[in-house]
Amino acid sequence: MSALPHRQSPVAADVRLYNNRASYSLQAALEIFRQSPVAHVAFVHPGDAETGEEEDYTTTGTKDARVSHERVQGRRRGQTVMNVPMIVTVVYEGEGEDEDAQESYTVYLHSHKHSGLTEAILAGTHGVTVTTAKIDGIVYSPVAQDHSLNYRSATFHLHQGRVLSNDDQDLEEKRSALGAVVNTVTGYDRSSSIGRPDDANTKRTTVMAFKIAAVSCKQRLGGHSSGSEPATEVPPGKERDEFTGVVPCWTEFGQPIGYGIKKEQVETMSRRRNEEGKAFAFSSAWASDEAKIEGLGKRRSNSR
């Protein structure tokens, strides 16, 4: 699909606060997105196309002082900041490419042809950010201010956004991307067993492709004193303290419900993911080196 000329604000991906928790490792980000593929996609919608009518909004104030803007029927929206949850699918371009180079990967988002993101890309807003996070533990402190969560988060700043058309070349890229979505949500190469989408389903799904402009990650691990092991014995004079420590957290996949061949494979995969998630959460609680994401606490490299 044709799009208007490219517009994108400068990327500011450096972590300024708690930069000891930051990482700019592409591989760290890819792993976090692999484990938590539902991300918040943020972008600026440029507003509705000119219709010859003036913009007109009603403003409604609520009791808690929040203000919502309601579009008046038949009138245009102005520029709007949008943030929507979407499945993020990252595809490595193939053998011979540098696995640590951002240029070697394409990020795909799929949606409806009338979605706000589709409209924004076609209108020339080709830059978006996608952010995901995974909770690894609940941190209990003896005092109110130090309660927290152990977590990993990753952000991709994306650029060169384009909406894939239904022409022959783009159609095959769409089909391949939608097959990759299947593998992303199931956690294994399921598309090789069930096949990729047919022409009809591929054509009626809108797929957007982006390249990665910048990467940033953050991680908190350990007890209420961030980065340190939690105490397991009561310190002198602390006998009356409330519980202090960490409750490890991980995603638990249940027993598959359904039918079909290779059900045992799905069961085995679910158990493996549960075991890996549990092991990582406990490792994170103990602030072990094995739980630290790649590049944690290091400055961003000037070379990408």
C-alpha atoms as a PDB file:
ATOM      1  CA  MET A   1       0.000   0.000   0.000  1.00  0.00           C
ATOM      2  CA  SER A   2       1.209   3.495  -0.731  1.00  0.00           C
ATOM      3  CA  ALA A   3       2.038   5.747   2.177  1.00  0.00           C
ATOM      4  CA  LEU A   4       2.640   9.451   2.600  1.00  0.00           C
ATOM      5  CA  PRO A   5       6.221  10.722   3.054  1.00  0.00           C
ATOM      6  CA  HIS A   6       8.030   9.493   6.133  1.00  0.00           C
ATOM      7  CA  ARG A   7       7.677  11.398   9.428  1.00  0.00           C
ATOM      8  CA  GLN A   8       9.469  10.348  12.592  1.00  0.00           C
ATOM      9  CA  SER A   9      10.591  12.063  15.782  1.00  0.00           C
ATOM     10  CA  PRO A  10      14.148  11.537  17.047  1.00  0.00           C
ATOM     11  CA  VAL A  11      14.615   8.325  19.037  1.00  0.00           C
ATOM     12  CA  ALA A  12      15.518   8.710  22.734  1.00  0.00           C
ATOM     13  CA  ALA A  13      16.212   5.152  23.887  1.00  0.00           C
ATOM     14  CA  ASP A  14      18.860   5.694  26.570  1.00  0.00           C
ATOM     15  CA  VAL A  15      17.721   4.762  30.096  1.00  0.00           C
ATOM     16  CA  ARG A  16      18.363   7.826  32.287  1.00  0.00           C
ATOM     17  CA  LEU A  17      17.086   6.657  35.696  1.00  0.00           C
ATOM     18  CA  TYR A  18      18.350   3.491  37.412  1.00  0.00           C
ATOM     19  CA  ASN A  19      20.710   3.009  34.501  1.00  0.00           C
ATOM     20  CA  ASN A  20      22.424   0.228  36.456  1.00  0.00           C
ATOM     21  CA  ARG A  21      19.297  -1.775  35.595  1.00  0.00           C
ATOM     22  CA  ALA A  22      19.598  -1.017  31.890  1.00  0.00           C
ATOM     23  CA  SER A  23      20.769  -3.163  29.023  1.00  0.00           C
ATOM     24  CA  TYR A  24      20.995  -2.336  25.340  1.00  0.00           C
ATOM     25  CA  SER A  25      21.531  -5.909  24.234  1.00  0.00           C
ATOM     26  CA  LEU A  26      19.482  -6.925  21.212  1.00  0.00           C
ATOM     27  CA  GLN A  27      19.626 -10.574  22.266  1.00  0.00           C
ATOM     28  CA  ALA A  28      18.319  -9.722  25.743  1.00  0.00           C
ATOM     29  CA  ALA A  29      15.406  -7.839  24.206  1.00  0.00           C
ATOM     30  CA  LEU A  30      14.615 -10.652  21.771  1.00  0.00           C
ATOM     31  CA  GLU A  31      14.459 -13.163  24.627  1.00  0.00           C
ATOM     32  CA  ILE A  32      12.107 -10.965  26.664  1.00  0.00           C
ATOM     33  CA  PHE A  33       9.811 -10.485  23.668  1.00  0.00           C
ATOM     34  CA  ARG A  34       9.947 -14.236  23.016  1.00  0.00           C
ATOM     35  CA  GLN A  35       8.656 -14.921  26.515  1.00  0.00           C
ATOM     36  CA  SER A  36       6.192 -12.030  26.557  1.00  0.00           C
ATOM     37  CA  PRO A  37       5.064 -11.289  22.966  1.00  0.00           C
ATOM     38  CA  VAL A  38       2.039  -9.150  23.838  1.00  0.00           C
ATOM     39  CA  ALA A  39       3.369  -5.597  23.875  1.00  0.00           C
ATOM     40  CA  HIS A  40       2.039  -2.073  24.154  1.00  0.00           C
ATOM     41  CA  VAL A  41       2.429  -0.319  20.810  1.00  0.00           C
ATOM     42  CA  ALA A  42       2.680   3.465  21.115  1.00  0.00           C
ATOM     43  CA  PHE A  43       2.408   5.880  18.208  1.00  0.00           C
ATOM     44  CA  VAL A  44       0.962   9.221  17.178  1.00  0.00           C
ATOM     45  CA  HIS A  45      -2.148   9.116  15.024  1.00  0.00           C
ATOM     46  CA  PRO A  46      -2.035  12.226  12.819  1.00  0.00           C
ATOM     47  CA  GLY A  47      -5.781  12.775  12.925  1.00  0.00           C
ATOM     48  CA  ASP A  48      -8.493  12.284  10.362  1.00  0.00           C
ATOM     49  CA  ALA A  49      -8.102  13.488   6.798  1.00  0.00           C
ATOM     50  CA  GLU A  50      -9.358  16.915   5.870  1.00  0.00           C
ATOM     51  CA  THR A  51     -13.084  16.964   5.166  1.00  0.00           C
ATOM     52  CA  GLY A  52     -13.684  20.684   4.950  1.00  0.00           C
ATOM     53  CA  GLU A  53     -15.192  20.734   8.436  1.00  0.00           C
ATOM     54  CA  GLU A  54     -13.675  22.267  11.524  1.00  0.00           C
ATOM     55  CA  GLU A  55     -12.424  20.071  14.344  1.00  0.00           C
ATOM     56  CA  ASP A  56     -14.939  19.909  17.151  1.00  0.00           C
ATOM     57  CA  TYR A  57     -14.681  17.963  20.395  1.00  0.00           C
ATOM     58  CA  THR A  58     -16.754  17.826  23.541  1.00  0.00           C
ATOM     59  CA  THR A  59     -14.849  17.684  26.810  1.00  0.00           C
ATOM     60  CA  THR A  60     -16.279  15.818  29.779  1.00  0.00           C
ATOM     61  CA  GLY A  61     -14.743  16.187  33.250  1.00  0.00           C
ATOM     62  CA  THR A  62     -15.111  13.328  35.724  1.00  0.00           C
ATOM     63  CA  LYS A  63     -15.205  13.561  39.511  1.00  0.00           C
ATOM     64  CA  ASP A  64     -11.580  12.482  39.833  1.00  0.00           C
ATOM     65  CA  ALA A  65     -10.496  15.290  37.498  1.00  0.00           C
ATOM     66  CA  ARG A  66      -9.695  12.992  34.596  1.00  0.00           C
ATOM     67  CA  VAL A  67     -10.723  14.478  31.273  1.00  0.00           C
ATOM     68  CA  SER A  68     -11.864  12.495  28.266  1.00  0.00           C
ATOM     69  CA  HIS A  69     -12.280  13.796  24.753  1.00  0.00           C
ATOM     70  CA  GLU A  70     -15.218  12.410  22.835  1.00  0.00           C
ATOM     71  CA  ARG A  71     -15.303  12.664  19.099  1.00  0.00           C
ATOM     72  CA  VAL A  72     -18.393  14.463  17.846  1.00  0.00           C
ATOM     73  CA  GLN A  73     -20.123  12.360  15.227  1.00  0.00           C
ATOM     74  CA  GLY A  74     -19.275  13.532  11.712  1.00  0.00           C
ATOM     75  CA  ARG A  75     -16.304  15.665  12.826  1.00  0.00           C
ATOM     76  CA  ARG A  76     -12.562  15.095  12.562  1.00  0.00           C
ATOM     77  CA  ARG A  77     -10.223  13.825  15.245  1.00  0.00           C
ATOM     78  CA  GLY A  78      -7.103  15.829  15.861  1.00  0.00           C
ATOM     79  CA  GLN A  79      -3.643  14.386  16.426  1.00  0.00           C
ATOM     80  CA  THR A  80      -3.930  11.613  19.018  1.00  0.00           C
ATOM     81  CA  VAL A  81      -1.408   9.627  21.052  1.00  0.00           C
ATOM     82  CA  MET A  82      -2.402   5.952  20.940  1.00  0.00           C
ATOM     83  CA  ASN A  83      -1.160   2.949  22.911  1.00  0.00           C
ATOM     84  CA  VAL A  84      -2.627  -0.459  22.085  1.00  0.00           C
ATOM     85  CA  PRO A  85      -1.741  -4.070  22.990  1.00  0.00           C
ATOM     86  CA  MET A  86      -0.605  -6.163  20.036  1.00  0.00           C
ATOM     87  CA  ILE A  87       1.321  -9.371  19.374  1.00  0.00           C
ATOM     88  CA  VAL A  88       4.899  -8.569  18.365  1.00  0.00           C
ATOM     89  CA  THR A  89       6.485 -11.001  15.907  1.00  0.00           C
ATOM     90  CA  VAL A  90      10.214 -10.725  15.223  1.00  0.00           C
ATOM     91  CA  VAL A  91      11.710 -12.511  12.221  1.00  0.00           C
ATOM     92  CA  TYR A  92      15.419 -13.101  11.638  1.00  0.00           C
ATOM     93  CA  GLU A  93      16.213 -12.494   7.983  1.00  0.00           C
ATOM     94  CA  GLY A  94      18.196 -15.701   7.475  1.00  0.00           C
ATOM     95  CA  GLU A  95      21.555 -17.389   7.333  1.00  0.00           C
ATOM     96  CA  GLY A  96      24.567 -15.262   6.585  1.00  0.00           C
ATOM     97  CA  GLU A  97      23.223 -12.239   8.450  1.00  0.00           C
ATOM     98  CA  ASP A  98      24.696 -10.914  11.683  1.00  0.00           C
ATOM     99  CA  GLU A  99      22.479 -12.166  14.528  1.00  0.00           C
ATOM    100  CA  ASP A 100      23.557  -9.222  16.690  1.00  0.00           C
ATOM    101  CA  ALA A 101      22.731  -6.588  14.062  1.00  0.00           C
ATOM    102  CA  GLN A 102      19.387  -4.825  14.331  1.00  0.00           C
ATOM    103  CA  GLU A 103      19.206  -4.652  10.547  1.00  0.00           C
ATOM    104  CA  SER A 104      19.015  -8.461  10.428  1.00  0.00           C
ATOM    105  CA  TYR A 105      15.516  -8.490  11.926  1.00  0.00           C
ATOM    106  CA  THR A 106      12.064  -7.404  10.803  1.00  0.00           C
ATOM    107  CA  VAL A 107       9.272  -6.749  13.297  1.00  0.00           C
ATOM    108  CA  TYR A 108       5.729  -7.516  12.171  1.00  0.00           C
ATOM    109  CA  LEU A 109       2.443  -6.291  13.626  1.00  0.00           C
ATOM    110  CA  HIS A 110      -0.904  -7.473  12.293  1.00  0.00           C
ATOM    111  CA  SER A 111      -4.208  -5.675  12.630  1.00  0.00           C
ATOM    112  CA  HIS A 112      -7.307  -4.499  10.734  1.00  0.00           C
ATOM    113  CA  LYS A 113      -7.135  -2.271   7.678  1.00  0.00           C
ATOM    114  CA  HIS A 114      -9.054   0.446   9.542  1.00  0.00           C
ATOM    115  CA  SER A 115      -7.009   0.295  12.756  1.00  0.00           C
ATOM    116  CA  GLY A 116      -5.416   3.450  14.091  1.00  0.00           C
ATOM    117  CA  LEU A 117      -1.920   2.070  13.520  1.00  0.00           C
ATOM    118  CA  THR A 118      -2.652   1.217   9.891  1.00  0.00           C
ATOM    119  CA  GLU A 119      -4.026   4.712   9.327  1.00  0.00           C
ATOM    120  CA  ALA A 120      -0.992   6.280  10.996  1.00  0.00           C
ATOM    121  CA  ILE A 121       1.513   4.320   8.888  1.00  0.00           C
ATOM    122  CA  LEU A 122      -0.314   5.138   5.654  1.00  0.00           C
ATOM    123  CA  ALA A 123      -0.402   8.800   6.700  1.00  0.00           C
ATOM    124  CA  GLY A 124       3.383   8.885   7.091  1.00  0.00           C
ATOM    125  CA  THR A 125       3.915   8.140  10.784  1.00  0.00           C
ATOM    126  CA  HIS A 126       6.444   5.359  10.292  1.00  0.00           C
ATOM    127  CA  GLY A 127       7.958   5.308  13.788  1.00  0.00           C
ATOM    128  CA  VAL A 128       6.423   3.478  16.764  1.00  0.00           C
ATOM    129  CA  THR A 129       7.631   1.967  20.028  1.00  0.00           C
ATOM    130  CA  VAL A 130       6.710  -1.479  21.320  1.00  0.00           C
ATOM    131  CA  THR A 131       7.270  -2.335  24.982  1.00  0.00           C
ATOM    132  CA  THR A 132       6.713  -5.533  26.915  1.00  0.00           C
ATOM    133  CA  ALA A 133       7.415  -6.610  30.489  1.00  0.00           C
ATOM    134  CA  LYS A 134       7.516  -9.830  32.470  1.00  0.00           C
ATOM    135  CA  ILE A 135       7.113 -10.048  36.258  1.00  0.00           C
ATOM    136  CA  ASP A 136       9.597 -12.356  38.001  1.00  0.00           C
ATOM    137  CA  GLY A 137       8.736 -11.702  41.648  1.00  0.00           C
ATOM    138  CA  ILE A 138       6.890  -9.671  44.274  1.00  0.00           C
ATOM    139  CA  VAL A 139       9.294  -7.850  46.590  1.00  0.00           C
ATOM    140  CA  TYR A 140       8.217  -7.345  50.223  1.00  0.00           C
ATOM    141  CA  SER A 141      10.095  -4.718  52.210  1.00  0.00           C
ATOM    142  CA  PRO A 142      10.081  -4.078  55.970  1.00  0.00           C
ATOM    143  CA  VAL A 143       9.194  -0.452  55.178  1.00  0.00           C
ATOM    144  CA  ALA A 144       6.591   0.997  52.833  1.00  0.00           C
ATOM    145  CA  GLN A 145       8.837   2.737  50.320  1.00  0.00           C
ATOM    146  CA  ASP A 146      10.891  -0.248  49.161  1.00  0.00           C
ATOM    147  CA  HIS A 147       8.148  -2.618  48.014  1.00  0.00           C
ATOM    148  CA  SER A 148       8.636  -3.460  44.357  1.00  0.00           C
ATOM    149  CA  LEU A 149       8.497  -6.088  41.641  1.00  0.00           C
ATOM    150  CA  ASN A 150      11.296  -8.056  40.076  1.00  0.00           C
ATOM    151  CA  TYR A 151      10.803  -7.718  36.335  1.00  0.00           C
ATOM    152  CA  ARG A 152      12.328  -7.653  32.887  1.00  0.00           C
ATOM    153  CA  SER A 153      11.199  -5.153  30.275  1.00  0.00           C
ATOM    154  CA  ALA A 154      12.205  -4.517  26.681  1.00  0.00           C
ATOM    155  CA  THR A 155      11.489  -1.730  24.218  1.00  0.00           C
ATOM    156  CA  PHE A 156      11.987  -1.634  20.480  1.00  0.00           C
ATOM    157  CA  HIS A 157      12.001   1.757  18.794  1.00  0.00           C
ATOM    158  CA  LEU A 158      10.812   0.901  15.298  1.00  0.00           C
ATOM    159  CA  HIS A 159      11.117   2.836  12.042  1.00  0.00           C
ATOM    160  CA  GLN A 160      10.688   2.410   8.284  1.00  0.00           C
ATOM    161  CA  GLY A 161       7.136   1.224   8.865  1.00  0.00           C
ATOM    162  CA  ARG A 162       5.205   0.019   5.835  1.00  0.00           C
ATOM    163  CA  VAL A 163       1.846  -1.625   5.251  1.00  0.00           C
ATOM    164  CA  LEU A 164       2.254  -4.729   3.119  1.00  0.00           C
ATOM    165  CA  SER A 165       0.053  -4.861   0.028  1.00  0.00           C
ATOM    166  CA  ASN A 166      -1.654  -7.831  -1.618  1.00  0.00           C
ATOM    167  CA  ASP A 167       0.652  -7.717  -4.626  1.00  0.00           C
ATOM    168  CA  ASP A 168       2.511 -10.965  -5.288  1.00  0.00           C
ATOM    169  CA  GLN A 169       5.773 -10.114  -3.500  1.00  0.00           C
ATOM    170  CA  ASP A 170       4.160  -8.480  -0.473  1.00  0.00           C
ATOM    171  CA  LEU A 171       1.509 -11.203  -0.292  1.00  0.00           C
ATOM    172  CA  GLU A 172       4.151 -13.870   0.233  1.00  0.00           C
ATOM    173  CA  GLU A 173       5.846 -11.737   2.887  1.00  0.00           C
ATOM    174  CA  LYS A 174       2.458 -11.332   4.601  1.00  0.00           C
ATOM    175  CA  ARG A 175       1.861 -15.072   4.481  1.00  0.00           C
ATOM    176  CA  SER A 176       5.297 -15.775   5.949  1.00  0.00           C
ATOM    177  CA  ALA A 177       4.779 -13.153   8.674  1.00  0.00           C
ATOM    178  CA  LEU A 178       1.396 -14.595   9.657  1.00  0.00           C
ATOM    179  CA  GLY A 179       2.972 -18.040   9.834  1.00  0.00           C
ATOM    180  CA  ALA A 180       5.563 -16.547  12.182  1.00  0.00           C
ATOM    181  CA  VAL A 181       2.726 -15.184  14.347  1.00  0.00           C
ATOM    182  CA  VAL A 182       1.510 -18.772  14.838  1.00  0.00           C
ATOM    183  CA  ASN A 183       4.982 -19.818  15.985  1.00  0.00           C
ATOM    184  CA  THR A 184       5.287 -16.771  18.238  1.00  0.00           C
ATOM    185  CA  VAL A 185       2.085 -17.418  20.188  1.00  0.00           C
ATOM    186  CA  THR A 186       2.581 -21.198  20.473  1.00  0.00           C
ATOM    187  CA  GLY A 187       6.293 -21.120  21.242  1.00  0.00           C
ATOM    188  CA  TYR A 188       7.360 -23.661  18.616  1.00  0.00           C
ATOM    189  CA  ASP A 189       7.404 -24.186  14.841  1.00  0.00           C
ATOM    190  CA  ARG A 190       3.724 -25.084  14.569  1.00  0.00           C
ATOM    191  CA  SER A 191       3.309 -23.603  11.091  1.00  0.00           C
ATOM    192  CA  SER A 192       5.456 -26.395   9.653  1.00  0.00           C
ATOM    193  CA  SER A 193       2.763 -28.850  10.801  1.00  0.00           C
ATOM    194  CA  ILE A 194      -0.469 -26.983  10.066  1.00  0.00           C
ATOM    195  CA  GLY A 195       0.725 -24.898   7.125  1.00  0.00           C
ATOM    196  CA  ARG A 196       0.585 -21.166   6.541  1.00  0.00           C
ATOM    197  CA  PRO A 197      -2.555 -19.056   5.944  1.00  0.00           C
ATOM    198  CA  ASP A 198      -4.356 -19.371   2.605  1.00  0.00           C
ATOM    199  CA  ASP A 199      -4.753 -16.486   0.143  1.00  0.00           C
ATOM    200  CA  ALA A 200      -8.140 -15.361   1.465  1.00  0.00           C
ATOM    201  CA  ASN A 201      -7.029 -15.086   5.090  1.00  0.00           C
ATOM    202  CA  THR A 202      -3.719 -13.521   4.120  1.00  0.00           C
ATOM    203  CA  LYS A 203      -5.338 -10.859   1.959  1.00  0.00           C
ATOM    204  CA  ARG A 204      -7.921  -9.798   4.539  1.00  0.00           C
ATOM    205  CA  THR A 205      -5.359  -9.378   7.314  1.00  0.00           C
ATOM    206  CA  THR A 206      -3.345  -6.164   7.472  1.00  0.00           C
ATOM    207  CA  VAL A 207       0.342  -6.705   8.203  1.00  0.00           C
ATOM    208  CA  MET A 208       2.850  -3.954   8.947  1.00  0.00           C
ATOM    209  CA  ALA A 209       6.618  -4.415   8.749  1.00  0.00           C
ATOM    210  CA  PHE A 210       9.233  -2.375  10.624  1.00  0.00           C
ATOM    211  CA  LYS A 211      12.970  -2.298  11.173  1.00  0.00           C
ATOM    212  CA  ILE A 212      14.555  -1.814  14.593  1.00  0.00           C
ATOM    213  CA  ALA A 213      16.027   1.646  15.174  1.00  0.00           C
ATOM    214  CA  ALA A 214      17.047   1.240  18.832  1.00  0.00           C
ATOM    215  CA  VAL A 215      16.734  -1.194  21.731  1.00  0.00           C
ATOM    216  CA  SER A 216      16.589  -0.807  25.496  1.00  0.00           C
ATOM    217  CA  CYS A 217      15.873  -3.211  28.352  1.00  0.00           C
ATOM    218  CA  LYS A 218      15.568  -2.966  32.134  1.00  0.00           C
ATOM    219  CA  GLN A 219      15.726  -5.559  34.875  1.00  0.00           C
ATOM    220  CA  ARG A 220      15.220  -5.586  38.618  1.00  0.00           C
ATOM    221  CA  LEU A 221      16.199  -8.648  40.604  1.00  0.00           C
ATOM    222  CA  GLY A 222      16.993  -9.620  44.194  1.00  0.00           C
ATOM    223  CA  GLY A 223      15.397  -8.635  47.490  1.00  0.00           C
ATOM    224  CA  HIS A 224      14.160  -5.282  48.760  1.00  0.00           C
ATOM    225  CA  SER A 225      17.727  -4.044  48.513  1.00  0.00           C
ATOM    226  CA  SER A 226      17.798  -4.258  44.733  1.00  0.00           C
ATOM    227  CA  GLY A 227      20.447  -6.554  43.307  1.00  0.00           C
ATOM    228  CA  SER A 228      21.146  -8.270  46.640  1.00  0.00           C
ATOM    229  CA  GLU A 229      20.072 -11.642  47.978  1.00  0.00           C
ATOM    230  CA  PRO A 230      17.027 -11.595  50.274  1.00  0.00           C
ATOM    231  CA  ALA A 231      17.711 -12.282  53.946  1.00  0.00           C
ATOM    232  CA  THR A 232      16.356 -15.621  55.180  1.00  0.00           C
ATOM    233  CA  GLU A 233      17.219 -15.237  58.871  1.00  0.00           C
ATOM    234  CA  VAL A 234      15.737 -12.649  61.212  1.00  0.00           C
ATOM    235  CA  PRO A 235      18.240  -9.826  61.886  1.00  0.00           C
ATOM    236  CA  PRO A 236      18.701  -8.801  65.532  1.00  0.00           C
ATOM    237  CA  GLY A 237      15.956  -6.444  66.641  1.00  0.00           C
ATOM    238  CA  LYS A 238      13.715  -7.295  63.657  1.00  0.00           C
ATOM    239  CA  GLU A 239      11.691 -10.045  65.306  1.00  0.00           C
ATOM    240  CA  ARG A 240       8.446  -8.045  65.007  1.00  0.00           C
ATOM    241  CA  ASP A 241       8.875  -7.161  61.320  1.00  0.00           C
ATOM    242  CA  GLU A 242       6.257  -8.131  58.781  1.00  0.00           C
ATOM    243  CA  PHE A 243       7.305 -10.718  56.191  1.00  0.00           C
ATOM    244  CA  THR A 244      10.296  -9.423  54.264  1.00  0.00           C
ATOM    245  CA  GLY A 245      11.549 -11.121  51.123  1.00  0.00           C
ATOM    246  CA  VAL A 246      10.551 -12.177  47.614  1.00  0.00           C
ATOM    247  CA  VAL A 247       7.738 -14.297  46.202  1.00  0.00           C
ATOM    248  CA  PRO A 248       8.990 -15.668  42.853  1.00  0.00           C
ATOM    249  CA  CYS A 249       6.476 -15.318  39.995  1.00  0.00           C
ATOM    250  CA  TRP A 250       6.262 -17.074  36.646  1.00  0.00           C
ATOM    251  CA  THR A 251       3.706 -17.961  34.003  1.00  0.00           C
ATOM    252  CA  GLU A 252       2.224 -21.406  34.624  1.00  0.00           C
ATOM    253  CA  PHE A 253       0.872 -23.247  31.586  1.00  0.00           C
ATOM    254  CA  GLY A 254      -1.915 -25.693  32.394  1.00  0.00           C
ATOM    255  CA  GLN A 255      -2.848 -29.096  31.052  1.00  0.00           C
ATOM    256  CA  PRO A 256      -3.853 -28.888  27.360  1.00  0.00           C
ATOM    257  CA  ILE A 257      -7.605 -29.178  26.762  1.00  0.00           C
ATOM    258  CA  GLY A 258      -8.561 -30.479  23.333  1.00  0.00           C
ATOM    259  CA  TYR A 259      -7.745 -33.241  20.858  1.00  0.00           C
ATOM    260  CA  GLY A 260      -5.432 -34.133  17.996  1.00  0.00           C
ATOM    261  CA  ILE A 261      -2.120 -35.727  17.210  1.00  0.00           C
ATOM    262  CA  LYS A 262       1.042 -34.456  18.912  1.00  0.00           C
ATOM    263  CA  LYS A 263      -0.917 -33.564  22.052  1.00  0.00           C
ATOM    264  CA  GLU A 264       1.906 -35.118  24.074  1.00  0.00           C
ATOM    265  CA  GLN A 265       4.331 -32.739  22.363  1.00  0.00           C
ATOM    266  CA  VAL A 266       2.250 -29.773  23.530  1.00  0.00           C
ATOM    267  CA  GLU A 267       2.102 -31.210  27.071  1.00  0.00           C
ATOM    268  CA  THR A 268       5.866 -31.710  27.129  1.00  0.00           C
ATOM    269  CA  MET A 269       6.486 -28.193  25.857  1.00  0.00           C
ATOM    270  CA  SER A 270       4.165 -26.721  28.507  1.00  0.00           C
ATOM    271  CA  ARG A 271       5.951 -28.592  31.298  1.00  0.00           C
ATOM    272  CA  ARG A 272       9.325 -27.452  29.999  1.00  0.00           C
ATOM    273  CA  ARG A 273       8.232 -23.820  29.860  1.00  0.00           C
ATOM    274  CA  ASN A 274       6.834 -24.080  33.401  1.00  0.00           C
ATOM    275  CA  GLU A 275      10.089 -25.536  34.704  1.00  0.00           C
ATOM    276  CA  GLU A 276      12.184 -22.898  32.941  1.00  0.00           C
ATOM    277  CA  GLY A 277       9.964 -20.068  34.184  1.00  0.00           C
ATOM    278  CA  LYS A 278      10.055 -21.312  37.775  1.00  0.00           C
ATOM    279  CA  ALA A 279      13.821 -21.792  37.737  1.00  0.00           C
ATOM    280  CA  PHE A 280      14.378 -18.293  36.352  1.00  0.00           C
ATOM    281  CA  ALA A 281      12.049 -16.655  38.904  1.00  0.00           C
ATOM    282  CA  PHE A 282      13.902 -18.258  41.822  1.00  0.00           C
ATOM    283  CA  SER A 283      17.244 -17.384  40.259  1.00  0.00           C
ATOM    284  CA  SER A 284      16.058 -13.786  39.911  1.00  0.00           C
ATOM    285  CA  ALA A 285      14.938 -13.707  43.551  1.00  0.00           C
ATOM    286  CA  TRP A 286      18.441 -14.741  44.623  1.00  0.00           C
ATOM    287  CA  ALA A 287      19.993 -12.142  42.277  1.00  0.00           C
ATOM    288  CA  SER A 288      22.165 -14.844  40.741  1.00  0.00           C
ATOM    289  CA  ASP A 289      24.376 -14.098  37.767  1.00  0.00           C
ATOM    290  CA  GLU A 290      22.464 -16.674  35.704  1.00  0.00           C
ATOM    291  CA  ALA A 291      19.337 -14.519  35.925  1.00  0.00           C
ATOM    292  CA  LYS A 292      20.989 -11.293  34.803  1.00  0.00           C
ATOM    293  CA  ILE A 293      20.095 -10.320  31.261  1.00  0.00           C
ATOM    294  CA  GLU A 294      22.902  -9.852  28.765  1.00  0.00           C
ATOM    295  CA  GLY A 295      24.593  -6.456  28.998  1.00  0.00           C
ATOM    296  CA  LEU A 296      23.013  -5.505  32.337  1.00  0.00           C
ATOM    297  CA  GLY A 297      24.475  -2.246  33.659  1.00  0.00           C
ATOM    298  CA  LYS A 298      26.635  -1.628  30.600  1.00  0.00           C
ATOM    299  CA  ARG A 299      26.568   1.554  28.558  1.00  0.00           C
ATOM    300  CA  ARG A 300      25.136   1.554  25.077  1.00  0.00           C
ATOM    301  CA  SER A 301      27.674   0.713  22.399  1.00  0.00           C
ATOM    302  CA  ASN A 302      28.177   3.433  19.798  1.00  0.00           C
ATOM    303  CA  SER A 303      28.280   0.809  17.061  1.00  0.00           C
ATOM    304  CA  ARG A 304      25.032  -0.921  16.155  1.00  0.00           C
END
